[in-house]
C-alpha cells in the first residue's frame, strides 16, 4: 500500500464507499479503531455488538491484504480497556494476519 492509499483510508468507516459524501464516523454510533495491517486507520462500526462479539475480533474482506479478495484479521488485546458502550471510538482491534 502506498502513502496515497493510506491517506485515503484514514478516518473512514470500513464498508463506506471512499467517494461517499460522508465516509467518516456518524454521531451516536460506536466504533473500534483498526490498528496495523492493510486497514490501518479505518473505523469499524460496532454499534449493537455484544461484549463477546467484540472479544471474538473480526475477519474483514479486503483487496489490500496478502490475498486479493481475502480477509484481514483484527482482534482486541486482552489487556486493552473496553469502556462502556456509547458513541465514538470505544476500543481498538489490532491486525493479527491475513487469510484467503
PDB file of N, CA and C in Angstrom:
ATOM      1  N   UNK A   1       0.856  -1.167   0.000  1.00  0.00           N
ATOM      2  CA  UNK A   1       0.000   0.000   0.000  1.00  0.00           C
ATOM      3  C   UNK A   1       0.905   1.235   0.000  1.00  0.00           C
ATOM      4  N   UNK A   2       0.564   2.220  -0.820  1.00  0.00           N
ATOM      5  CA  UNK A   2       1.381   3.428  -0.866  1.00  0.00           C
ATOM      6  C   UNK A   2       0.784   4.518   0.026  1.00  0.00           C
ATOM      7  N   UNK A   3       1.489   5.640   0.126  1.00  0.00           N
ATOM      8  CA  UNK A   3       1.068   6.735   1.012  1.00  0.00           C
ATOM      9  C   UNK A   3      -0.301   7.297   0.616  1.00  0.00           C
ATOM     10  N   UNK A   4      -0.597   7.338  -0.687  1.00  0.00           N
ATOM     11  CA  UNK A   4      -1.904   7.830  -1.130  1.00  0.00           C
ATOM     12  C   UNK A   4      -3.030   6.917  -0.654  1.00  0.00           C
ATOM     13  N   UNK A   5      -2.802   5.591  -0.719  1.00  0.00           N
ATOM     14  CA  UNK A   5      -3.807   4.642  -0.230  1.00  0.00           C
ATOM     15  C   UNK A   5      -4.038   4.827   1.258  1.00  0.00           C
ATOM     16  N   UNK A   6      -2.944   4.997   2.015  1.00  0.00           N
ATOM     17  CA  UNK A   6      -3.057   5.170   3.468  1.00  0.00           C
ATOM     18  C   UNK A   6      -3.845   6.429   3.808  1.00  0.00           C
ATOM     19  N   UNK A   7      -3.581   7.516   3.110  1.00  0.00           N
ATOM     20  CA  UNK A   7      -4.288   8.771   3.379  1.00  0.00           C
ATOM     21  C   UNK A   7      -5.773   8.630   3.062  1.00  0.00           C
ATOM     22  N   UNK A   8      -6.095   7.898   2.001  1.00  0.00           N
ATOM     23  CA  UNK A   8      -7.484   7.691   1.611  1.00  0.00           C
ATOM     24  C   UNK A   8      -8.256   6.955   2.703  1.00  0.00           C
ATOM     25  N   UNK A   9      -7.605   6.024   3.404  1.00  0.00           N
ATOM     26  CA  UNK A   9      -8.273   5.216   4.416  1.00  0.00           C
ATOM     27  C   UNK A   9      -8.483   5.957   5.735  1.00  0.00           C
ATOM     28  N   UNK A  10      -7.611   6.844   6.121  1.00  0.00           N
ATOM     29  CA  UNK A  10      -7.652   7.490   7.444  1.00  0.00           C
ATOM     30  C   UNK A  10      -8.992   8.142   7.736  1.00  0.00           C
ATOM     31  N   UNK A  11      -9.556   7.827   8.905  1.00  0.00           N
ATOM     32  CA  UNK A  11     -10.782   8.466   9.361  1.00  0.00           C
ATOM     33  C   UNK A  11     -12.055   7.962   8.711  1.00  0.00           C
ATOM     34  N   UNK A  12     -11.940   6.985   7.840  1.00  0.00           N
ATOM     35  CA  UNK A  12     -13.116   6.425   7.171  1.00  0.00           C
ATOM     36  C   UNK A  12     -13.653   5.254   7.966  1.00  0.00           C
ATOM     37  N   UNK A  13     -14.875   4.926   7.695  1.00  0.00           N
ATOM     38  CA  UNK A  13     -15.511   3.776   8.315  1.00  0.00           C
ATOM     39  C   UNK A  13     -15.453   2.615   7.331  1.00  0.00           C
ATOM     40  N   UNK A  14     -14.979   1.457   7.804  1.00  0.00           N
ATOM     41  CA  UNK A  14     -14.900   0.257   6.970  1.00  0.00           C
ATOM     42  C   UNK A  14     -16.282  -0.023   6.364  1.00  0.00           C
ATOM     43  N   UNK A  15     -16.285  -0.274   5.064  1.00  0.00           N
ATOM     44  CA  UNK A  15     -17.531  -0.581   4.368  1.00  0.00           C
ATOM     45  C   UNK A  15     -18.186   0.616   3.713  1.00  0.00           C
ATOM     46  N   UNK A  16     -17.791   1.838   4.105  1.00  0.00           N
ATOM     47  CA  UNK A  16     -18.333   3.025   3.452  1.00  0.00           C
ATOM     48  C   UNK A  16     -17.525   3.301   2.193  1.00  0.00           C
ATOM     49  N   UNK A  17     -18.179   3.680   1.131  1.00  0.00           N
ATOM     50  CA  UNK A  17     -17.521   3.985  -0.126  1.00  0.00           C
ATOM     51  C   UNK A  17     -16.638   5.213   0.043  1.00  0.00           C
ATOM     52  N   UNK A  18     -15.400   5.151  -0.471  1.00  0.00           N
ATOM     53  CA  UNK A  18     -14.467   6.262  -0.287  1.00  0.00           C
ATOM     54  C   UNK A  18     -14.927   7.553  -0.942  1.00  0.00           C
ATOM     55  N   UNK A  19     -15.786   7.475  -1.934  1.00  0.00           N
ATOM     56  CA  UNK A  19     -16.257   8.707  -2.557  1.00  0.00           C
ATOM     57  C   UNK A  19     -17.663   9.097  -2.092  1.00  0.00           C
ATOM     58  N   UNK A  20     -18.129   8.479  -1.008  1.00  0.00           N
ATOM     59  CA  UNK A  20     -19.422   8.871  -0.423  1.00  0.00           C
ATOM     60  C   UNK A  20     -19.326  10.290   0.114  1.00  0.00           C
ATOM     61  N   UNK A  21     -20.447  10.955   0.234  1.00  0.00           N
ATOM     62  CA  UNK A  21     -20.426  12.342   0.705  1.00  0.00           C
ATOM     63  C   UNK A  21     -19.889  12.454   2.136  1.00  0.00           C
ATOM     64  N   UNK A  22     -20.105  11.431   2.958  1.00  0.00           N
ATOM     65  CA  UNK A  22     -19.572  11.448   4.320  1.00  0.00           C
ATOM     66  C   UNK A  22     -19.110  10.030   4.688  1.00  0.00           C
ATOM     67  N   UNK A  23     -17.849   9.672   4.310  1.00  0.00           N
ATOM     68  CA  UNK A  23     -17.369   8.329   4.616  1.00  0.00           C
ATOM     69  C   UNK A  23     -16.871   8.178   6.056  1.00  0.00           C
ATOM     70  N   UNK A  24     -16.963   9.251   6.834  1.00  0.00           N
ATOM     71  CA  UNK A  24     -16.458   9.232   8.207  1.00  0.00           C
ATOM     72  C   UNK A  24     -17.482   8.747   9.209  1.00  0.00           C
ATOM     73  N   UNK A  25     -17.098   8.769  10.473  1.00  0.00           N
ATOM     74  CA  UNK A  25     -17.986   8.286  11.530  1.00  0.00           C
ATOM     75  C   UNK A  25     -19.224   9.165  11.692  1.00  0.00           C
ATOM     76  N   UNK A  26     -20.287   8.553  12.169  1.00  0.00           N
ATOM     77  CA  UNK A  26     -21.541   9.262  12.401  1.00  0.00           C
ATOM     78  C   UNK A  26     -21.762   9.432  13.903  1.00  0.00           C
ATOM     79  N   UNK A  27     -22.404  10.522  14.302  1.00  0.00           N
ATOM     80  CA  UNK A  27     -22.684  10.701  15.720  1.00  0.00           C
ATOM     81  C   UNK A  27     -23.619   9.593  16.221  1.00  0.00           C
ATOM     82  N   UNK A  28     -23.524   9.286  17.469  1.00  0.00           N
ATOM     83  CA  UNK A  28     -24.371   8.289  18.133  1.00  0.00           C
ATOM     84  C   UNK A  28     -24.101   6.863  17.653  1.00  0.00           C
ATOM     85  N   UNK A  29     -22.974   6.631  16.988  1.00  0.00           N
ATOM     86  CA  UNK A  29     -22.568   5.294  16.584  1.00  0.00           C
ATOM     87  C   UNK A  29     -21.310   4.912  17.370  1.00  0.00           C
ATOM     88  N   UNK A  30     -21.077   3.614  17.534  1.00  0.00           N
ATOM     89  CA  UNK A  30     -19.935   3.110  18.276  1.00  0.00           C
ATOM     90  C   UNK A  30     -18.963   2.451  17.304  1.00  0.00           C
ATOM     91  N   UNK A  31     -17.657   2.688  17.518  1.00  0.00           N
ATOM     92  CA  UNK A  31     -16.640   2.208  16.593  1.00  0.00           C
ATOM     93  C   UNK A  31     -15.464   1.583  17.324  1.00  0.00           C
ATOM     94  N   UNK A  32     -14.796   0.658  16.617  1.00  0.00           N
ATOM     95  CA  UNK A  32     -13.490   0.148  17.011  1.00  0.00           C
ATOM     96  C   UNK A  32     -12.494   0.704  15.992  1.00  0.00           C
ATOM     97  N   UNK A  33     -11.359   1.194  16.464  1.00  0.00           N
ATOM     98  CA  UNK A  33     -10.303   1.666  15.572  1.00  0.00           C
ATOM     99  C   UNK A  33      -9.473   0.471  15.134  1.00  0.00           C
ATOM    100  N   UNK A  34      -9.214   0.353  13.831  1.00  0.00           N
ATOM    101  CA  UNK A  34      -8.381  -0.726  13.302  1.00  0.00           C
ATOM    102  C   UNK A  34      -6.931  -0.254  13.299  1.00  0.00           C
ATOM    103  N   UNK A  35      -6.050  -1.061  13.896  1.00  0.00           N
ATOM    104  CA  UNK A  35      -4.655  -0.679  14.083  1.00  0.00           C
ATOM    105  C   UNK A  35      -3.751  -1.681  13.368  1.00  0.00           C
ATOM    106  N   UNK A  36      -2.907  -1.188  12.476  1.00  0.00           N
ATOM    107  CA  UNK A  36      -1.964  -2.030  11.754  1.00  0.00           C
ATOM    108  C   UNK A  36      -2.600  -2.708  10.557  1.00  0.00           C
ATOM    109  N   UNK A  37      -1.776  -3.376   9.778  1.00  0.00           N
ATOM    110  CA  UNK A  37      -2.267  -4.136   8.635  1.00  0.00           C
ATOM    111  C   UNK A  37      -2.842  -3.284   7.529  1.00  0.00           C
ATOM    112  N   UNK A  38      -3.514  -3.923   6.585  1.00  0.00           N
ATOM    113  CA  UNK A  38      -3.986  -3.217   5.395  1.00  0.00           C
ATOM    114  C   UNK A  38      -5.113  -2.232   5.650  1.00  0.00           C
ATOM    115  N   UNK A  39      -5.810  -2.346   6.759  1.00  0.00           N
ATOM    116  CA  UNK A  39      -6.944  -1.453   7.033  1.00  0.00           C
ATOM    117  C   UNK A  39      -6.640  -0.456   8.150  1.00  0.00           C
ATOM    118  N   UNK A  40      -5.359  -0.283   8.448  1.00  0.00           N
ATOM    119  CA  UNK A  40      -4.931   0.633   9.498  1.00  0.00           C
ATOM    120  C   UNK A  40      -5.545   2.015   9.309  1.00  0.00           C
ATOM    121  N   UNK A  41      -6.102   2.553  10.374  1.00  0.00           N
ATOM    122  CA  UNK A  41      -6.682   3.893  10.319  1.00  0.00           C
ATOM    123  C   UNK A  41      -8.177   3.917  10.072  1.00  0.00           C
ATOM    124  N   UNK A  42      -8.755   2.791   9.635  1.00  0.00           N
ATOM    125  CA  UNK A  42     -10.196   2.748   9.434  1.00  0.00           C
ATOM    126  C   UNK A  42     -10.910   2.535  10.764  1.00  0.00           C
ATOM    127  N   UNK A  43     -12.152   2.896  10.796  1.00  0.00           N
ATOM    128  CA  UNK A  43     -13.014   2.614  11.943  1.00  0.00           C
ATOM    129  C   UNK A  43     -13.994   1.522  11.540  1.00  0.00           C
ATOM    130  N   UNK A  44     -14.305   0.647  12.479  1.00  0.00           N
ATOM    131  CA  UNK A  44     -15.264  -0.420  12.240  1.00  0.00           C
ATOM    132  C   UNK A  44     -16.491  -0.165  13.095  1.00  0.00           C
ATOM    133  N   UNK A  45     -17.651  -0.057  12.473  1.00  0.00           N
ATOM    134  CA  UNK A  45     -18.897   0.156  13.210  1.00  0.00           C
ATOM    135  C   UNK A  45     -19.248  -1.066  14.047  1.00  0.00           C
ATOM    136  N   UNK A  46     -19.368  -0.879  15.367  1.00  0.00           N
ATOM    137  CA  UNK A  46     -19.706  -1.987  16.269  1.00  0.00           C
ATOM    138  C   UNK A  46     -20.939  -1.651  17.106  1.00  0.00           C
ATOM    139  N   UNK A  47     -21.731  -0.712  16.650  1.00  0.00           N
ATOM    140  CA  UNK A  47     -22.958  -0.359  17.356  1.00  0.00           C
ATOM    141  C   UNK A  47     -23.825  -1.605  17.518  1.00  0.00           C
ATOM    142  N   UNK A  48     -24.247  -1.879  18.736  1.00  0.00           N
ATOM    143  CA  UNK A  48     -25.118  -3.012  18.998  1.00  0.00           C
ATOM    144  C   UNK A  48     -24.405  -4.343  19.204  1.00  0.00           C
ATOM    145  N   UNK A  49     -23.085  -4.368  19.083  1.00  0.00           N
ATOM    146  CA  UNK A  49     -22.354  -5.620  19.303  1.00  0.00           C
ATOM    147  C   UNK A  49     -22.348  -5.960  20.783  1.00  0.00           C
ATOM    148  N   UNK A  50     -22.487  -7.242  21.094  1.00  0.00           N
ATOM    149  CA  UNK A  50     -22.372  -7.720  22.469  1.00  0.00           C
ATOM    150  C   UNK A  50     -20.890  -7.820  22.833  1.00  0.00           C
ATOM    151  N   UNK A  51     -20.548  -7.736  24.124  1.00  0.00           N
ATOM    152  CA  UNK A  51     -19.140  -7.818  24.536  1.00  0.00           C
ATOM    153  C   UNK A  51     -18.416  -9.053  23.998  1.00  0.00           C
ATOM    154  N   UNK A  52     -19.091 -10.198  23.965  1.00  0.00           N
ATOM    155  CA  UNK A  52     -18.424 -11.406  23.460  1.00  0.00           C
ATOM    156  C   UNK A  52     -18.152 -11.328  21.960  1.00  0.00           C
ATOM    157  N   UNK A  53     -18.975 -10.597  21.222  1.00  0.00           N
ATOM    158  CA  UNK A  53     -18.711 -10.400  19.798  1.00  0.00           C
ATOM    159  C   UNK A  53     -17.462  -9.550  19.605  1.00  0.00           C
ATOM    160  N   UNK A  54     -17.309  -8.534  20.432  1.00  0.00           N
ATOM    161  CA  UNK A  54     -16.111  -7.697  20.377  1.00  0.00           C
ATOM    162  C   UNK A  54     -14.888  -8.532  20.740  1.00  0.00           C
ATOM    163  N   UNK A  55     -14.996  -9.355  21.773  1.00  0.00           N
ATOM    164  CA  UNK A  55     -13.873 -10.191  22.210  1.00  0.00           C
ATOM    165  C   UNK A  55     -13.435 -11.171  21.126  1.00  0.00           C
ATOM    166  N   UNK A  56     -14.351 -11.590  20.247  1.00  0.00           N
ATOM    167  CA  UNK A  56     -14.034 -12.551  19.185  1.00  0.00           C
ATOM    168  C   UNK A  56     -13.199 -11.950  18.062  1.00  0.00           C
ATOM    169  N   UNK A  57     -13.198 -10.622  17.920  1.00  0.00           N
ATOM    170  CA  UNK A  57     -12.482  -9.999  16.813  1.00  0.00           C
ATOM    171  C   UNK A  57     -13.223 -10.198  15.503  1.00  0.00           C
ATOM    172  N   UNK A  58     -12.556  -9.838  14.398  1.00  0.00           N
ATOM    173  CA  UNK A  58     -13.226  -9.865  13.094  1.00  0.00           C
ATOM    174  C   UNK A  58     -12.278 -10.319  11.985  1.00  0.00           C
ATOM    175  N   UNK A  59     -12.863 -10.799  10.905  1.00  0.00           N
ATOM    176  CA  UNK A  59     -12.164 -11.101   9.660  1.00  0.00           C
ATOM    177  C   UNK A  59     -12.834 -10.248   8.588  1.00  0.00           C
ATOM    178  N   UNK A  60     -12.145  -9.214   8.133  1.00  0.00           N
ATOM    179  CA  UNK A  60     -12.738  -8.223   7.238  1.00  0.00           C
ATOM    180  C   UNK A  60     -12.250  -8.403   5.804  1.00  0.00           C
ATOM    181  N   UNK A  61     -13.186  -8.474   4.881  1.00  0.00           N
ATOM    182  CA  UNK A  61     -12.831  -8.603   3.471  1.00  0.00           C
ATOM    183  C   UNK A  61     -12.075  -7.359   3.013  1.00  0.00           C
ATOM    184  N   UNK A  62     -11.000  -7.615   2.227  1.00  0.00           N
ATOM    185  CA  UNK A  62     -10.226  -6.511   1.675  1.00  0.00           C
ATOM    186  C   UNK A  62      -9.437  -6.967   0.459  1.00  0.00           C
ATOM    187  N   UNK A  63      -9.243  -6.056  -0.459  1.00  0.00           N
ATOM    188  CA  UNK A  63      -8.381  -6.295  -1.618  1.00  0.00           C
ATOM    189  C   UNK A  63      -6.948  -5.870  -1.301  1.00  0.00           C
ATOM    190  N   UNK A  64      -6.726  -5.274  -0.136  1.00  0.00           N
ATOM    191  CA  UNK A  64      -5.423  -4.722   0.208  1.00  0.00           C
ATOM    192  C   UNK A  64      -4.533  -5.680   0.988  1.00  0.00           C
ATOM    193  N   UNK A  65      -5.045  -6.842   1.363  1.00  0.00           N
ATOM    194  CA  UNK A  65      -4.281  -7.792   2.165  1.00  0.00           C
ATOM    195  C   UNK A  65      -3.357  -8.649   1.320  1.00  0.00           C
ATOM    196  N   UNK A  66      -2.851  -9.680   1.934  1.00  0.00           N
ATOM    197  CA  UNK A  66      -1.919 -10.605   1.274  1.00  0.00           C
ATOM    198  C   UNK A  66      -2.578 -11.312   0.095  1.00  0.00           C
ATOM    199  N   UNK A  67      -3.858 -11.653   0.233  1.00  0.00           N
ATOM    200  CA  UNK A  67      -4.600 -12.318  -0.833  1.00  0.00           C
ATOM    201  C   UNK A  67      -5.700 -11.398  -1.327  1.00  0.00           C
ATOM    202  N   UNK A  68      -5.716 -11.142  -2.619  1.00  0.00           N
ATOM    203  CA  UNK A  68      -6.775 -10.335  -3.207  1.00  0.00           C
ATOM    204  C   UNK A  68      -8.115 -11.025  -2.952  1.00  0.00           C
ATOM    205  N   UNK A  69      -9.044 -10.308  -2.374  1.00  0.00           N
ATOM    206  CA  UNK A  69     -10.344 -10.885  -2.045  1.00  0.00           C
ATOM    207  C   UNK A  69     -10.335 -11.678  -0.758  1.00  0.00           C
ATOM    208  N   UNK A  70      -9.221 -11.644  -0.040  1.00  0.00           N
ATOM    209  CA  UNK A  70      -9.124 -12.360   1.228  1.00  0.00           C
ATOM    210  C   UNK A  70      -9.646 -11.527   2.383  1.00  0.00           C
ATOM    211  N   UNK A  71      -9.265 -11.917   3.580  1.00  0.00           N
ATOM    212  CA  UNK A  71      -9.711 -11.224   4.785  1.00  0.00           C
ATOM    213  C   UNK A  71      -8.519 -10.846   5.652  1.00  0.00           C
ATOM    214  N   UNK A  72      -8.619  -9.670   6.246  1.00  0.00           N
ATOM    215  CA  UNK A  72      -7.639  -9.217   7.227  1.00  0.00           C
ATOM    216  C   UNK A  72      -8.225  -9.501   8.609  1.00  0.00           C
ATOM    217  N   UNK A  73      -7.419 -10.106   9.468  1.00  0.00           N
ATOM    218  CA  UNK A  73      -7.870 -10.481  10.804  1.00  0.00           C
ATOM    219  C   UNK A  73      -7.495  -9.409  11.817  1.00  0.00           C
ATOM    220  N   UNK A  74      -8.467  -8.999  12.626  1.00  0.00           N
ATOM    221  CA  UNK A  74      -8.257  -7.982  13.658  1.00  0.00           C
ATOM    222  C   UNK A  74      -8.869  -8.471  14.966  1.00  0.00           C
ATOM    223  N   UNK A  75      -8.113  -8.305  16.046  1.00  0.00           N
ATOM    224  CA  UNK A  75      -8.555  -8.765  17.367  1.00  0.00           C
ATOM    225  C   UNK A  75      -8.253  -7.713  18.419  1.00  0.00           C
ATOM    226  N   UNK A  76      -9.088  -7.631  19.450  1.00  0.00           N
ATOM    227  CA  UNK A  76      -8.751  -6.758  20.580  1.00  0.00           C
ATOM    228  C   UNK A  76      -7.653  -7.425  21.404  1.00  0.00           C
ATOM    229  N   UNK A  77      -6.845  -6.632  22.079  1.00  0.00           N
ATOM    230  CA  UNK A  77      -5.865  -7.178  23.001  1.00  0.00           C
ATOM    231  C   UNK A  77      -6.558  -7.432  24.333  1.00  0.00           C
ATOM    232  N   UNK A  78      -6.227  -8.523  25.012  1.00  0.00           N
ATOM    233  CA  UNK A  78      -6.905  -8.844  26.269  1.00  0.00           C
ATOM    234  C   UNK A  78      -6.772  -7.755  27.328  1.00  0.00           C
ATOM    235  N   UNK A  79      -5.654  -7.023  27.316  1.00  0.00           N
ATOM    236  CA  UNK A  79      -5.413  -6.006  28.343  1.00  0.00           C
ATOM    237  C   UNK A  79      -5.947  -4.622  27.982  1.00  0.00           C
ATOM    238  N   UNK A  80      -6.416  -4.451  26.740  1.00  0.00           N
ATOM    239  CA  UNK A  80      -6.933  -3.139  26.337  1.00  0.00           C
ATOM    240  C   UNK A  80      -8.231  -2.839  27.075  1.00  0.00           C
ATOM    241  N   UNK A  81      -8.354  -1.629  27.592  1.00  0.00           N
ATOM    242  CA  UNK A  81      -9.616  -1.281  28.256  1.00  0.00           C
ATOM    243  C   UNK A  81     -10.759  -1.217  27.255  1.00  0.00           C
ATOM    244  N   UNK A  82     -11.924  -1.617  27.714  1.00  0.00           N
ATOM    245  CA  UNK A  82     -13.129  -1.527  26.896  1.00  0.00           C
ATOM    246  C   UNK A  82     -14.159  -0.725  27.676  1.00  0.00           C
ATOM    247  N   UNK A  83     -14.216   0.568  27.399  1.00  0.00           N
ATOM    248  CA  UNK A  83     -15.182   1.392  28.125  1.00  0.00           C
ATOM    249  C   UNK A  83     -16.607   0.946  27.845  1.00  0.00           C
ATOM    250  N   UNK A  84     -17.504   1.408  28.665  1.00  0.00           N
ATOM    251  CA  UNK A  84     -18.926   1.112  28.448  1.00  0.00           C
ATOM    252  C   UNK A  84     -19.310   1.546  27.038  1.00  0.00           C
ATOM    253  N   UNK A  85     -20.207   0.790  26.443  1.00  0.00           N
ATOM    254  CA  UNK A  85     -20.653   1.114  25.087  1.00  0.00           C
ATOM    255  C   UNK A  85     -21.258   2.510  25.060  1.00  0.00           C
ATOM    256  N   UNK A  86     -21.010   3.186  24.008  1.00  0.00           N
ATOM    257  CA  UNK A  86     -21.529   4.530  23.826  1.00  0.00           C
ATOM    258  C   UNK A  86     -21.017   5.061  22.514  1.00  0.00           C
ATOM    259  N   UNK A  87     -21.371   6.261  22.150  1.00  0.00           N
ATOM    260  CA  UNK A  87     -20.935   6.799  20.863  1.00  0.00           C
ATOM    261  C   UNK A  87     -19.434   7.057  20.839  1.00  0.00           C
ATOM    262  N   UNK A  88     -18.878   6.998  19.651  1.00  0.00           N
ATOM    263  CA  UNK A  88     -17.460   7.276  19.459  1.00  0.00           C
ATOM    264  C   UNK A  88     -16.643   5.996  19.367  1.00  0.00           C
ATOM    265  N   UNK A  89     -15.316   6.168  19.405  1.00  0.00           N
ATOM    266  CA  UNK A  89     -14.400   5.036  19.350  1.00  0.00           C
ATOM    267  C   UNK A  89     -14.224   4.502  20.764  1.00  0.00           C
ATOM    268  N   UNK A  90     -14.622   3.254  20.992  1.00  0.00           N
ATOM    269  CA  UNK A  90     -14.605   2.696  22.346  1.00  0.00           C
ATOM    270  C   UNK A  90     -13.545   1.618  22.551  1.00  0.00           C
ATOM    271  N   UNK A  91     -12.926   1.118  21.460  1.00  0.00           N
ATOM    272  CA  UNK A  91     -11.886   0.110  21.610  1.00  0.00           C
ATOM    273  C   UNK A  91     -11.036   0.072  20.345  1.00  0.00           C
ATOM    274  N   UNK A  92      -9.995  -0.748  20.398  1.00  0.00           N
ATOM    275  CA  UNK A  92      -9.117  -0.934  19.237  1.00  0.00           C
ATOM    276  C   UNK A  92      -9.059  -2.412  18.889  1.00  0.00           C
ATOM    277  N   UNK A  93      -9.010  -2.688  17.597  1.00  0.00           N
ATOM    278  CA  UNK A  93      -8.764  -4.033  17.088  1.00  0.00           C
ATOM    279  C   UNK A  93      -7.408  -3.987  16.394  1.00  0.00           C
ATOM    280  N   UNK A  94      -6.538  -4.929  16.720  1.00  0.00           N
ATOM    281  CA  UNK A  94      -5.180  -4.956  16.193  1.00  0.00           C
ATOM    282  C   UNK A  94      -5.040  -6.042  15.138  1.00  0.00           C
ATOM    283  N   UNK A  95      -4.313  -5.707  14.086  1.00  0.00           N
ATOM    284  CA  UNK A  95      -4.074  -6.639  12.986  1.00  0.00           C
ATOM    285  C   UNK A  95      -3.320  -7.861  13.482  1.00  0.00           C
ATOM    286  N   UNK A  96      -3.805  -9.060  13.101  1.00  0.00           N
ATOM    287  CA  UNK A  96      -3.124 -10.282  13.503  1.00  0.00           C
ATOM    288  C   UNK A  96      -2.791 -11.191  12.322  1.00  0.00           C
ATOM    289  N   UNK A  97      -3.114 -10.793  11.106  1.00  0.00           N
ATOM    290  CA  UNK A  97      -2.757 -11.590   9.935  1.00  0.00           C
ATOM    291  C   UNK A  97      -3.808 -11.544   8.853  1.00  0.00           C
ATOM    292  N   UNK A  98      -3.579 -12.345   7.818  1.00  0.00           N
ATOM    293  CA  UNK A  98      -4.494 -12.422   6.674  1.00  0.00           C
ATOM    294  C   UNK A  98      -4.911 -13.869   6.459  1.00  0.00           C
ATOM    295  N   UNK A  99      -6.035 -14.045   5.827  1.00  0.00           N
ATOM    296  CA  UNK A  99      -6.499 -15.369   5.442  1.00  0.00           C
ATOM    297  C   UNK A  99      -7.138 -15.273   4.061  1.00  0.00           C
ATOM    298  N   UNK A 100      -7.004 -16.325   3.242  1.00  0.00           N
ATOM    299  CA  UNK A 100      -7.597 -16.264   1.898  1.00  0.00           C
ATOM    300  C   UNK A 100      -9.114 -16.187   1.932  1.00  0.00           C
TER     301      UNK A 100
END
